[in-house]
């Protein structure tokens, strides 16, 4: 499985702003997750086993991602949701995901971005960190 070419965020924003509901949107937020050297356990739980990440195998369940997107569209003030996920063998610095959320006001857009990224990471993807000590 080959990793994919990341999207153009400029193009995504151009398309979002040309959409029929664009005039209802006052804010867009973009999330770009990348493969980092620090293991998830150290960043999230403070567990330091002395290892570093050298790469990652990344896969996702497309049906679960689509369901998460549909759920996000039901949130207050959200009019635009777009997700791109990589797959395969990823190296340090490679893009894992891009998420674009457009909505009416900042609190709604921030909440929707946090909701969707958390849902994708906890329910839709498999991230296998490849480590070295």
Foldseek 3Di string as FASTA:
>chain_A
DDWDDDDDVVVVVVVCCVDPCNVQWDDKDKDWDFAAFCDPCCVPVVDCPPKTFFWKAKDWDVVQLVVLQVVLCPFPFWDDWDKDAIGGIGGGGDTGMMIMTTGRDDVSRVVSVVSSVVSCVPPIMDIDTDIDD
